[in-house]
Structures are given as C-alpha cells and as structure tokens.
C-alpha cells in the first residue's frame, strides 16, 4: 500500500516524468511500441484492401463462396445429427413425459 502511494507520488512529478522520458530504455520502448502499432496498421490496411478487391472481383465470387460454405455447413450438420448416438426409447425426459 505504501509502495503504491510512493509510486503514484513519483509518477505525478513532472520533473521525474521528464527525466524518464529522456532515458534510453523508455525511448527504446516508445520506439518499439510505435513500430508495432505502425506495422499492425499497415497489415490492417493491406487486409482491408485485399478484401475490397476480393469483393469487387468477378461478379458474385464472394457470394458463391458464401453459398458453398453454407451448403457444406448444412450438409455436415445434417450428417452429424443423423449419425449421433440415440438414447433408448423412453429414457428421454421432455415435455410429454410426466414424472
């Protein structure tokens, strides 16, 4: 608790913050942070550009892929439901059974 108060008092000191900002480790950390943010932003812009070009590609290309995905998903879901193990008759408890 005392350590937290001491750190808070030190970090609210303008002179200490100024000296820390001029230190080599803090400057390097700021450089690395800026580098990571810039690269993340560039990757995001590149991904958005590729997505826009994909959507603006041949007419309906993205729509056909979405329909193919939907059809494959529905087919797999039906196969999974059909192949699941079923409990013996009468062991299910539902709204029609009274206990």
PDB file of N, CA and C in Angstrom:
ATOM      1  N   UNK A   1       0.822  -1.183   0.000  1.00  0.00           N
ATOM      2  CA  UNK A   1       0.000   0.000   0.000  1.00  0.00           C
ATOM      3  C   UNK A   1       0.869   1.251   0.000  1.00  0.00           C
ATOM      4  N   UNK A   2       1.881   1.262   0.838  1.00  0.00           N
ATOM      5  CA  UNK A   2       2.771   2.420   0.911  1.00  0.00           C
ATOM      6  C   UNK A   2       3.563   2.538  -0.389  1.00  0.00           C
ATOM      7  N   UNK A   3       3.965   1.407  -0.941  1.00  0.00           N
ATOM      8  CA  UNK A   3       4.716   1.416  -2.196  1.00  0.00           C
ATOM      9  C   UNK A   3       3.875   2.003  -3.327  1.00  0.00           C
ATOM     10  N   UNK A   4       2.604   1.651  -3.353  1.00  0.00           N
ATOM     11  CA  UNK A   4       1.708   2.185  -4.380  1.00  0.00           C
ATOM     12  C   UNK A   4       1.588   3.701  -4.265  1.00  0.00           C
ATOM     13  N   UNK A   5       1.451   4.207  -3.056  1.00  0.00           N
ATOM     14  CA  UNK A   5       1.351   5.655  -2.845  1.00  0.00           C
ATOM     15  C   UNK A   5       2.648   6.353  -3.235  1.00  0.00           C
ATOM     16  N   UNK A   6       3.774   5.727  -2.913  1.00  0.00           N
ATOM     17  CA  UNK A   6       5.072   6.299  -3.268  1.00  0.00           C
ATOM     18  C   UNK A   6       5.244   6.368  -4.781  1.00  0.00           C
ATOM     19  N   UNK A   7       4.896   5.279  -5.470  1.00  0.00           N
ATOM     20  CA  UNK A   7       4.994   5.272  -6.931  1.00  0.00           C
ATOM     21  C   UNK A   7       4.050   6.296  -7.563  1.00  0.00           C
ATOM     22  N   UNK A   8       2.844   6.411  -7.028  1.00  0.00           N
ATOM     23  CA  UNK A   8       1.892   7.386  -7.555  1.00  0.00           C
ATOM     24  C   UNK A   8       2.429   8.802  -7.375  1.00  0.00           C
ATOM     25  N   UNK A   9       3.016   9.088  -6.229  1.00  0.00           N
ATOM     26  CA  UNK A   9       3.563  10.421  -5.982  1.00  0.00           C
ATOM     27  C   UNK A   9       4.732  10.706  -6.925  1.00  0.00           C
ATOM     28  N   UNK A  10       5.578   9.696  -7.165  1.00  0.00           N
ATOM     29  CA  UNK A  10       6.720   9.899  -8.063  1.00  0.00           C
ATOM     30  C   UNK A  10       6.273  10.104  -9.508  1.00  0.00           C
ATOM     31  N   UNK A  11       5.276   9.342  -9.949  1.00  0.00           N
ATOM     32  CA  UNK A  11       4.833   9.453 -11.332  1.00  0.00           C
ATOM     33  C   UNK A  11       4.040  10.720 -11.604  1.00  0.00           C
ATOM     34  N   UNK A  12       3.581  11.369 -10.556  1.00  0.00           N
ATOM     35  CA  UNK A  12       2.889  12.643 -10.738  1.00  0.00           C
ATOM     36  C   UNK A  12       3.851  13.823 -10.660  1.00  0.00           C
ATOM     37  N   UNK A  13       5.124  13.520 -10.560  1.00  0.00           N
ATOM     38  CA  UNK A  13       6.144  14.570 -10.514  1.00  0.00           C
ATOM     39  C   UNK A  13       6.586  14.888 -11.941  1.00  0.00           C
ATOM     40  N   UNK A  14       6.349  16.104 -12.426  1.00  0.00           N
ATOM     41  CA  UNK A  14       6.720  16.451 -13.806  1.00  0.00           C
ATOM     42  C   UNK A  14       8.216  16.310 -14.089  1.00  0.00           C
ATOM     43  N   UNK A  15       9.051  16.610 -13.105  1.00  0.00           N
ATOM     44  CA  UNK A  15      10.498  16.510 -13.323  1.00  0.00           C
ATOM     45  C   UNK A  15      10.913  15.046 -13.534  1.00  0.00           C
ATOM     46  N   UNK A  16      10.352  14.148 -12.721  1.00  0.00           N
ATOM     47  CA  UNK A  16      10.702  12.739 -12.860  1.00  0.00           C
ATOM     48  C   UNK A  16      10.208  12.181 -14.190  1.00  0.00           C
ATOM     49  N   UNK A  17       9.005  12.535 -14.581  1.00  0.00           N
ATOM     50  CA  UNK A  17       8.464  12.065 -15.856  1.00  0.00           C
ATOM     51  C   UNK A  17       9.327  12.571 -17.003  1.00  0.00           C
ATOM     52  N   UNK A  18       9.760  13.804 -16.935  1.00  0.00           N
ATOM     53  CA  UNK A  18      10.634  14.385 -17.971  1.00  0.00           C
ATOM     54  C   UNK A  18      11.966  13.631 -18.040  1.00  0.00           C
ATOM     55  N   UNK A  19      12.566  13.359 -16.895  1.00  0.00           N
ATOM     56  CA  UNK A  19      13.848  12.644 -16.883  1.00  0.00           C
ATOM     57  C   UNK A  19      13.683  11.214 -17.393  1.00  0.00           C
ATOM     58  N   UNK A  20      12.581  10.572 -17.010  1.00  0.00           N
ATOM     59  CA  UNK A  20      12.350   9.212 -17.505  1.00  0.00           C
ATOM     60  C   UNK A  20      12.144   9.196 -19.013  1.00  0.00           C
ATOM     61  N   UNK A  21      11.447  10.185 -19.536  1.00  0.00           N
ATOM     62  CA  UNK A  21      11.198  10.211 -20.984  1.00  0.00           C
ATOM     63  C   UNK A  21      12.477  10.420 -21.774  1.00  0.00           C
ATOM     64  N   UNK A  22      13.484  10.980 -21.141  1.00  0.00           N
ATOM     65  CA  UNK A  22      14.765  11.187 -21.830  1.00  0.00           C
ATOM     66  C   UNK A  22      15.700   9.994 -21.664  1.00  0.00           C
ATOM     67  N   UNK A  23      15.320   9.016 -20.857  1.00  0.00           N
ATOM     68  CA  UNK A  23      16.195   7.865 -20.628  1.00  0.00           C
ATOM     69  C   UNK A  23      16.152   6.923 -21.833  1.00  0.00           C
ATOM     70  N   UNK A  24      17.242   6.234 -22.040  1.00  0.00           N
ATOM     71  CA  UNK A  24      17.374   5.349 -23.193  1.00  0.00           C
ATOM     72  C   UNK A  24      16.352   4.196 -23.183  1.00  0.00           C
ATOM     73  N   UNK A  25      16.139   3.494 -22.065  1.00  0.00           N
ATOM     74  CA  UNK A  25      15.161   2.385 -22.092  1.00  0.00           C
ATOM     75  C   UNK A  25      13.736   2.840 -22.409  1.00  0.00           C
ATOM     76  N   UNK A  26      13.349   3.976 -21.882  1.00  0.00           N
ATOM     77  CA  UNK A  26      11.994   4.468 -22.132  1.00  0.00           C
ATOM     78  C   UNK A  26      11.860   4.895 -23.597  1.00  0.00           C
ATOM     79  N   UNK A  27      12.876   5.549 -24.137  1.00  0.00           N
ATOM     80  CA  UNK A  27      12.828   5.940 -25.558  1.00  0.00           C
ATOM     81  C   UNK A  27      12.760   4.711 -26.448  1.00  0.00           C
ATOM     82  N   UNK A  28      13.525   3.670 -26.108  1.00  0.00           N
ATOM     83  CA  UNK A  28      13.523   2.453 -26.913  1.00  0.00           C
ATOM     84  C   UNK A  28      12.163   1.758 -26.830  1.00  0.00           C
ATOM     85  N   UNK A  29      11.572   1.740 -25.655  1.00  0.00           N
ATOM     86  CA  UNK A  29      10.247   1.140 -25.507  1.00  0.00           C
ATOM     87  C   UNK A  29       9.220   1.907 -26.344  1.00  0.00           C
ATOM     88  N   UNK A  30       9.329   3.218 -26.368  1.00  0.00           N
ATOM     89  CA  UNK A  30       8.415   4.027 -27.177  1.00  0.00           C
ATOM     90  C   UNK A  30       8.621   3.746 -28.668  1.00  0.00           C
ATOM     91  N   UNK A  31       9.871   3.587 -29.086  1.00  0.00           N
ATOM     92  CA  UNK A  31      10.152   3.272 -30.491  1.00  0.00           C
ATOM     93  C   UNK A  31       9.554   1.923 -30.880  1.00  0.00           C
ATOM     94  N   UNK A  32       9.732   0.934 -30.024  1.00  0.00           N
ATOM     95  CA  UNK A  32       9.197  -0.402 -30.318  1.00  0.00           C
ATOM     96  C   UNK A  32       7.670  -0.395 -30.355  1.00  0.00           C
ATOM     97  N   UNK A  33       7.071   0.367 -29.466  1.00  0.00           N
ATOM     98  CA  UNK A  33       5.616   0.470 -29.456  1.00  0.00           C
ATOM     99  C   UNK A  33       5.117   1.117 -30.743  1.00  0.00           C
ATOM    100  N   UNK A  34       5.762   2.220 -31.142  1.00  0.00           N
ATOM    101  CA  UNK A  34       5.369   2.902 -32.376  1.00  0.00           C
ATOM    102  C   UNK A  34       5.563   1.984 -33.584  1.00  0.00           C
ATOM    103  N   UNK A  35       6.661   1.228 -33.596  1.00  0.00           N
ATOM    104  CA  UNK A  35       6.935   0.290 -34.682  1.00  0.00           C
ATOM    105  C   UNK A  35       5.835  -0.763 -34.777  1.00  0.00           C
ATOM    106  N   UNK A  36       5.461  -1.347 -33.630  1.00  0.00           N
ATOM    107  CA  UNK A  36       4.428  -2.386 -33.623  1.00  0.00           C
ATOM    108  C   UNK A  36       3.085  -1.823 -34.072  1.00  0.00           C
ATOM    109  N   UNK A  37       2.734  -0.643 -33.598  1.00  0.00           N
ATOM    110  CA  UNK A  37       1.461  -0.042 -33.988  1.00  0.00           C
ATOM    111  C   UNK A  37       1.417   0.281 -35.476  1.00  0.00           C
ATOM    112  N   UNK A  38       2.510   0.807 -36.000  1.00  0.00           N
ATOM    113  CA  UNK A  38       2.564   1.143 -37.418  1.00  0.00           C
ATOM    114  C   UNK A  38       2.435  -0.111 -38.284  1.00  0.00           C
ATOM    115  N   UNK A  39       3.137  -1.179 -37.902  1.00  0.00           N
ATOM    116  CA  UNK A  39       3.051  -2.409 -38.687  1.00  0.00           C
ATOM    117  C   UNK A  39       1.664  -3.039 -38.599  1.00  0.00           C
ATOM    118  N   UNK A  40       1.045  -2.982 -37.434  1.00  0.00           N
ATOM    119  CA  UNK A  40      -0.315  -3.510 -37.295  1.00  0.00           C
ATOM    120  C   UNK A  40      -1.287  -2.710 -38.157  1.00  0.00           C
ATOM    121  N   UNK A  41      -1.105  -1.395 -38.190  1.00  0.00           N
ATOM    122  CA  UNK A  41      -1.973  -0.552 -39.007  1.00  0.00           C
ATOM    123  C   UNK A  41      -1.776  -0.860 -40.492  1.00  0.00           C
ATOM    124  N   UNK A  42      -0.534  -1.024 -40.919  1.00  0.00           N
ATOM    125  CA  UNK A  42      -0.265  -1.333 -42.325  1.00  0.00           C
ATOM    126  C   UNK A  42      -0.828  -2.694 -42.716  1.00  0.00           C
ATOM    127  N   UNK A  43      -0.699  -3.680 -41.816  1.00  0.00           N
ATOM    128  CA  UNK A  43      -1.265  -5.002 -42.102  1.00  0.00           C
ATOM    129  C   UNK A  43      -2.784  -4.937 -42.194  1.00  0.00           C
ATOM    130  N   UNK A  44      -3.396  -4.149 -41.327  1.00  0.00           N
ATOM    131  CA  UNK A  44      -4.850  -3.994 -41.369  1.00  0.00           C
ATOM    132  C   UNK A  44      -5.309  -3.339 -42.653  1.00  0.00           C
ATOM    133  N   UNK A  45      -4.590  -2.305 -43.085  1.00  0.00           N
ATOM    134  CA  UNK A  45      -4.945  -1.641 -44.339  1.00  0.00           C
ATOM    135  C   UNK A  45      -4.765  -2.581 -45.520  1.00  0.00           C
ATOM    136  N   UNK A  46      -3.703  -3.384 -45.487  1.00  0.00           N
ATOM    137  CA  UNK A  46      -3.463  -4.336 -46.575  1.00  0.00           C
ATOM    138  C   UNK A  46      -4.566  -5.394 -46.620  1.00  0.00           C
ATOM    139  N   UNK A  47      -4.967  -5.890 -45.456  1.00  0.00           N
ATOM    140  CA  UNK A  47      -6.040  -6.889 -45.411  1.00  0.00           C
ATOM    141  C   UNK A  47      -7.355  -6.291 -45.906  1.00  0.00           C
ATOM    142  N   UNK A  48      -7.638  -5.055 -45.526  1.00  0.00           N
ATOM    143  CA  UNK A  48      -8.866  -4.401 -45.987  1.00  0.00           C
ATOM    144  C   UNK A  48      -8.823  -4.198 -47.499  1.00  0.00           C
ATOM    145  N   UNK A  49      -7.674  -3.831 -48.023  1.00  0.00           N
ATOM    146  CA  UNK A  49      -7.527  -3.632 -49.467  1.00  0.00           C
ATOM    147  C   UNK A  49      -7.752  -4.947 -50.209  1.00  0.00           C
ATOM    148  N   UNK A  50      -7.173  -6.057 -49.680  1.00  0.00           N
ATOM    149  CA  UNK A  50      -7.362  -7.357 -50.324  1.00  0.00           C
ATOM    150  C   UNK A  50      -8.820  -7.801 -50.258  1.00  0.00           C
ATOM    151  N   UNK A  51      -9.478  -7.528 -49.149  1.00  0.00           N
ATOM    152  CA  UNK A  51     -10.885  -7.902 -49.008  1.00  0.00           C
ATOM    153  C   UNK A  51     -11.756  -7.108 -49.968  1.00  0.00           C
ATOM    154  N   UNK A  52     -11.464  -5.816 -50.104  1.00  0.00           N
ATOM    155  CA  UNK A  52     -12.229  -4.995 -51.063  1.00  0.00           C
ATOM    156  C   UNK A  52     -12.012  -5.480 -52.488  1.00  0.00           C
ATOM    157  N   UNK A  53     -10.770  -5.840 -52.828  1.00  0.00           N
ATOM    158  CA  UNK A  53     -10.516  -6.314 -54.195  1.00  0.00           C
ATOM    159  C   UNK A  53     -11.178  -7.676 -54.416  1.00  0.00           C
ATOM    160  N   UNK A  54     -11.255  -8.498 -53.374  1.00  0.00           N
ATOM    161  CA  UNK A  54     -11.927  -9.780 -53.495  1.00  0.00           C
ATOM    162  C   UNK A  54     -13.424  -9.578 -53.702  1.00  0.00           C
ATOM    163  N   UNK A  55     -14.010  -8.641 -52.952  1.00  0.00           N
ATOM    164  CA  UNK A  55     -15.447  -8.371 -53.082  1.00  0.00           C
ATOM    165  C   UNK A  55     -15.761  -7.720 -54.420  1.00  0.00           C
ATOM    166  N   UNK A  56     -14.836  -6.930 -54.940  1.00  0.00           N
ATOM    167  CA  UNK A  56     -15.067  -6.245 -56.206  1.00  0.00           C
ATOM    168  C   UNK A  56     -14.591  -7.081 -57.395  1.00  0.00           C
ATOM    169  N   UNK A  57     -14.167  -8.315 -57.121  1.00  0.00           N
ATOM    170  CA  UNK A  57     -13.668  -9.189 -58.176  1.00  0.00           C
ATOM    171  C   UNK A  57     -14.778  -9.614 -59.116  1.00  0.00           C
ATOM    172  N   UNK A  58     -14.665 -10.804 -59.680  1.00  0.00           N
ATOM    173  CA  UNK A  58     -15.695 -11.293 -60.598  1.00  0.00           C
ATOM    174  C   UNK A  58     -17.068 -11.252 -59.931  1.00  0.00           C
ATOM    175  N   UNK A  59     -18.062 -10.943 -60.715  1.00  0.00           N
ATOM    176  CA  UNK A  59     -19.418 -10.760 -60.183  1.00  0.00           C
ATOM    177  C   UNK A  59     -19.871 -11.988 -59.406  1.00  0.00           C
ATOM    178  N   UNK A  60     -20.221 -11.796 -58.175  1.00  0.00           N
ATOM    179  CA  UNK A  60     -20.758 -12.860 -57.353  1.00  0.00           C
ATOM    180  C   UNK A  60     -19.744 -13.837 -56.802  1.00  0.00           C
ATOM    181  N   UNK A  61     -18.461 -13.577 -56.947  1.00  0.00           N
ATOM    182  CA  UNK A  61     -17.435 -14.511 -56.489  1.00  0.00           C
ATOM    183  C   UNK A  61     -17.554 -14.750 -54.990  1.00  0.00           C
ATOM    184  N   UNK A  62     -17.651 -13.667 -54.226  1.00  0.00           N
ATOM    185  CA  UNK A  62     -17.757 -13.795 -52.776  1.00  0.00           C
ATOM    186  C   UNK A  62     -19.080 -14.438 -52.393  1.00  0.00           C
ATOM    187  N   UNK A  63     -20.138 -14.101 -53.109  1.00  0.00           N
ATOM    188  CA  UNK A  63     -21.442 -14.696 -52.826  1.00  0.00           C
ATOM    189  C   UNK A  63     -21.449 -16.191 -53.088  1.00  0.00           C
ATOM    190  N   UNK A  64     -20.804 -16.624 -54.162  1.00  0.00           N
ATOM    191  CA  UNK A  64     -20.735 -18.056 -54.464  1.00  0.00           C
ATOM    192  C   UNK A  64     -19.958 -18.799 -53.391  1.00  0.00           C
ATOM    193  N   UNK A  65     -18.891 -18.194 -52.912  1.00  0.00           N
ATOM    194  CA  UNK A  65     -18.110 -18.831 -51.842  1.00  0.00           C
ATOM    195  C   UNK A  65     -18.932 -18.938 -50.570  1.00  0.00           C
ATOM    196  N   UNK A  66     -19.703 -17.899 -50.263  1.00  0.00           N
ATOM    197  CA  UNK A  66     -20.549 -17.925 -49.064  1.00  0.00           C
ATOM    198  C   UNK A  66     -21.623 -19.004 -49.194  1.00  0.00           C
ATOM    199  N   UNK A  67     -22.219 -19.132 -50.380  1.00  0.00           N
ATOM    200  CA  UNK A  67     -23.229 -20.170 -50.585  1.00  0.00           C
ATOM    201  C   UNK A  67     -22.617 -21.568 -50.476  1.00  0.00           C
ATOM    202  N   UNK A  68     -21.424 -21.743 -51.017  1.00  0.00           N
ATOM    203  CA  UNK A  68     -20.747 -23.031 -50.931  1.00  0.00           C
ATOM    204  C   UNK A  68     -20.441 -23.383 -49.475  1.00  0.00           C
ATOM    205  N   UNK A  69     -19.991 -22.381 -48.716  1.00  0.00           N
ATOM    206  CA  UNK A  69     -19.717 -22.593 -47.299  1.00  0.00           C
ATOM    207  C   UNK A  69     -20.993 -22.975 -46.564  1.00  0.00           C
ATOM    208  N   UNK A  70     -22.088 -22.251 -46.837  1.00  0.00           N
ATOM    209  CA  UNK A  70     -23.359 -22.542 -46.173  1.00  0.00           C
ATOM    210  C   UNK A  70     -23.823 -23.959 -46.489  1.00  0.00           C
ATOM    211  N   UNK A  71     -23.747 -24.332 -47.756  1.00  0.00           N
ATOM    212  CA  UNK A  71     -24.188 -25.671 -48.149  1.00  0.00           C
ATOM    213  C   UNK A  71     -23.354 -26.763 -47.483  1.00  0.00           C
ATOM    214  N   UNK A  72     -22.046 -26.573 -47.438  1.00  0.00           N
ATOM    215  CA  UNK A  72     -21.176 -27.562 -46.791  1.00  0.00           C
ATOM    216  C   UNK A  72     -21.470 -27.624 -45.294  1.00  0.00           C
ATOM    217  N   UNK A  73     -21.704 -26.485 -44.663  1.00  0.00           N
ATOM    218  CA  UNK A  73     -22.006 -26.451 -43.238  1.00  0.00           C
ATOM    219  C   UNK A  73     -23.310 -27.183 -42.936  1.00  0.00           C
ATOM    220  N   UNK A  74     -24.347 -26.904 -43.728  1.00  0.00           N
ATOM    221  CA  UNK A  74     -25.656 -27.547 -43.516  1.00  0.00           C
ATOM    222  C   UNK A  74     -25.531 -29.046 -43.730  1.00  0.00           C
ATOM    223  N   UNK A  75     -24.793 -29.458 -44.748  1.00  0.00           N
ATOM    224  CA  UNK A  75     -24.623 -30.883 -45.021  1.00  0.00           C
ATOM    225  C   UNK A  75     -23.897 -31.576 -43.863  1.00  0.00           C
ATOM    226  N   UNK A  76     -22.833 -30.966 -43.353  1.00  0.00           N
ATOM    227  CA  UNK A  76     -22.113 -31.551 -42.223  1.00  0.00           C
ATOM    228  C   UNK A  76     -22.980 -31.605 -40.978  1.00  0.00           C
ATOM    229  N   UNK A  77     -23.786 -30.588 -40.763  1.00  0.00           N
ATOM    230  CA  UNK A  77     -24.682 -30.558 -39.611  1.00  0.00           C
ATOM    231  C   UNK A  77     -25.707 -31.684 -39.703  1.00  0.00           C
ATOM    232  N   UNK A  78     -26.274 -31.877 -40.886  1.00  0.00           N
ATOM    233  CA  UNK A  78     -27.248 -32.963 -41.073  1.00  0.00           C
ATOM    234  C   UNK A  78     -26.613 -34.327 -40.852  1.00  0.00           C
ATOM    235  N   UNK A  79     -25.380 -34.509 -41.385  1.00  0.00           N
ATOM    236  CA  UNK A  79     -24.687 -35.784 -41.186  1.00  0.00           C
ATOM    237  C   UNK A  79     -24.410 -36.009 -39.704  1.00  0.00           C
ATOM    238  N   UNK A  80     -23.999 -34.970 -39.012  1.00  0.00           N
ATOM    239  CA  UNK A  80     -23.715 -35.096 -37.586  1.00  0.00           C
ATOM    240  C   UNK A  80     -24.955 -35.433 -36.786  1.00  0.00           C
ATOM    241  N   UNK A  81     -26.079 -34.814 -37.128  1.00  0.00           N
ATOM    242  CA  UNK A  81     -27.321 -35.103 -36.412  1.00  0.00           C
ATOM    243  C   UNK A  81     -27.819 -36.511 -36.718  1.00  0.00           C
ATOM    244  N   UNK A  82     -27.646 -36.933 -37.960  1.00  0.00           N
ATOM    245  CA  UNK A  82     -28.106 -38.261 -38.344  1.00  0.00           C
ATOM    246  C   UNK A  82     -27.254 -39.348 -37.675  1.00  0.00           C
ATOM    247  N   UNK A  83     -25.958 -39.129 -37.553  1.00  0.00           N
ATOM    248  CA  UNK A  83     -25.041 -40.147 -37.052  1.00  0.00           C
ATOM    249  C   UNK A  83     -24.847 -40.122 -35.546  1.00  0.00           C
ATOM    250  N   UNK A  84     -25.481 -39.215 -34.851  1.00  0.00           N
ATOM    251  CA  UNK A  84     -25.267 -39.145 -33.400  1.00  0.00           C
ATOM    252  C   UNK A  84     -25.914 -40.346 -32.721  1.00  0.00           C
ATOM    253  N   UNK A  85     -25.347 -40.785 -31.598  1.00  0.00           N
ATOM    254  CA  UNK A  85     -25.945 -41.913 -30.875  1.00  0.00           C
ATOM    255  C   UNK A  85     -27.263 -41.469 -30.238  1.00  0.00           C
ATOM    256  N   UNK A  86     -28.244 -42.333 -30.369  1.00  0.00           N
ATOM    257  CA  UNK A  86     -29.568 -42.003 -29.818  1.00  0.00           C
ATOM    258  C   UNK A  86     -29.769 -42.764 -28.513  1.00  0.00           C
ATOM    259  N   UNK A  87     -30.412 -42.135 -27.543  1.00  0.00           N
ATOM    260  CA  UNK A  87     -30.705 -42.859 -26.292  1.00  0.00           C
ATOM    261  C   UNK A  87     -31.832 -43.858 -26.524  1.00  0.00           C
ATOM    262  N   UNK A  88     -31.930 -44.873 -25.686  1.00  0.00           N
ATOM    263  CA  UNK A  88     -33.007 -45.869 -25.843  1.00  0.00           C
ATOM    264  C   UNK A  88     -34.371 -45.212 -25.690  1.00  0.00           C
ATOM    265  N   UNK A  89     -35.392 -45.758 -26.333  1.00  0.00           N
ATOM    266  CA  UNK A  89     -36.736 -45.179 -26.223  1.00  0.00           C
ATOM    267  C   UNK A  89     -37.202 -45.168 -24.784  1.00  0.00           C
ATOM    268  N   UNK A  90     -37.868 -44.098 -24.397  1.00  0.00           N
ATOM    269  CA  UNK A  90     -38.411 -43.966 -23.071  1.00  0.00           C
ATOM    270  C   UNK A  90     -37.451 -43.382 -22.047  1.00  0.00           C
ATOM    271  N   UNK A  91     -36.191 -43.217 -22.407  1.00  0.00           N
ATOM    272  CA  UNK A  91     -35.226 -42.680 -21.425  1.00  0.00           C
ATOM    273  C   UNK A  91     -35.137 -41.153 -21.496  1.00  0.00           C
ATOM    274  N   UNK A  92     -35.739 -40.561 -22.493  1.00  0.00           N
ATOM    275  CA  UNK A  92     -35.689 -39.104 -22.613  1.00  0.00           C
ATOM    276  C   UNK A  92     -36.740 -38.471 -21.722  1.00  0.00           C
ATOM    277  N   UNK A  93     -36.366 -37.389 -21.112  1.00  0.00           N
ATOM    278  CA  UNK A  93     -37.329 -36.615 -20.334  1.00  0.00           C
ATOM    279  C   UNK A  93     -37.625 -35.357 -21.109  1.00  0.00           C
ATOM    280  N   UNK A  94     -38.859 -35.154 -21.412  1.00  0.00           N
ATOM    281  CA  UNK A  94     -39.244 -33.992 -22.170  1.00  0.00           C
ATOM    282  C   UNK A  94     -40.587 -33.496 -21.709  1.00  0.00           C
ATOM    283  N   UNK A  95     -41.181 -32.582 -22.442  1.00  0.00           N
ATOM    284  CA  UNK A  95     -42.457 -32.029 -22.026  1.00  0.00           C
ATOM    285  C   UNK A  95     -43.586 -33.050 -22.037  1.00  0.00           C
ATOM    286  N   UNK A  96     -43.472 -34.136 -22.841  1.00  0.00           N
ATOM    287  CA  UNK A  96     -44.574 -35.101 -22.922  1.00  0.00           C
ATOM    288  C   UNK A  96     -44.548 -36.119 -21.790  1.00  0.00           C
ATOM    289  N   UNK A  97     -43.380 -36.332 -21.142  1.00  0.00           N
ATOM    290  CA  UNK A  97     -43.313 -37.313 -20.061  1.00  0.00           C
ATOM    291  C   UNK A  97     -43.602 -36.639 -18.742  1.00  0.00           C
ATOM    292  N   UNK A  98     -44.325 -37.370 -17.921  1.00  0.00           N
ATOM    293  CA  UNK A  98     -44.650 -36.827 -16.604  1.00  0.00           C
ATOM    294  C   UNK A  98     -43.935 -37.658 -15.554  1.00  0.00           C
ATOM    295  N   UNK A  99     -43.264 -36.979 -14.628  1.00  0.00           N
ATOM    296  CA  UNK A  99     -42.566 -37.732 -13.583  1.00  0.00           C
ATOM    297  C   UNK A  99     -43.030 -37.330 -12.213  1.00  0.00           C
TER     298      UNK A  99
END
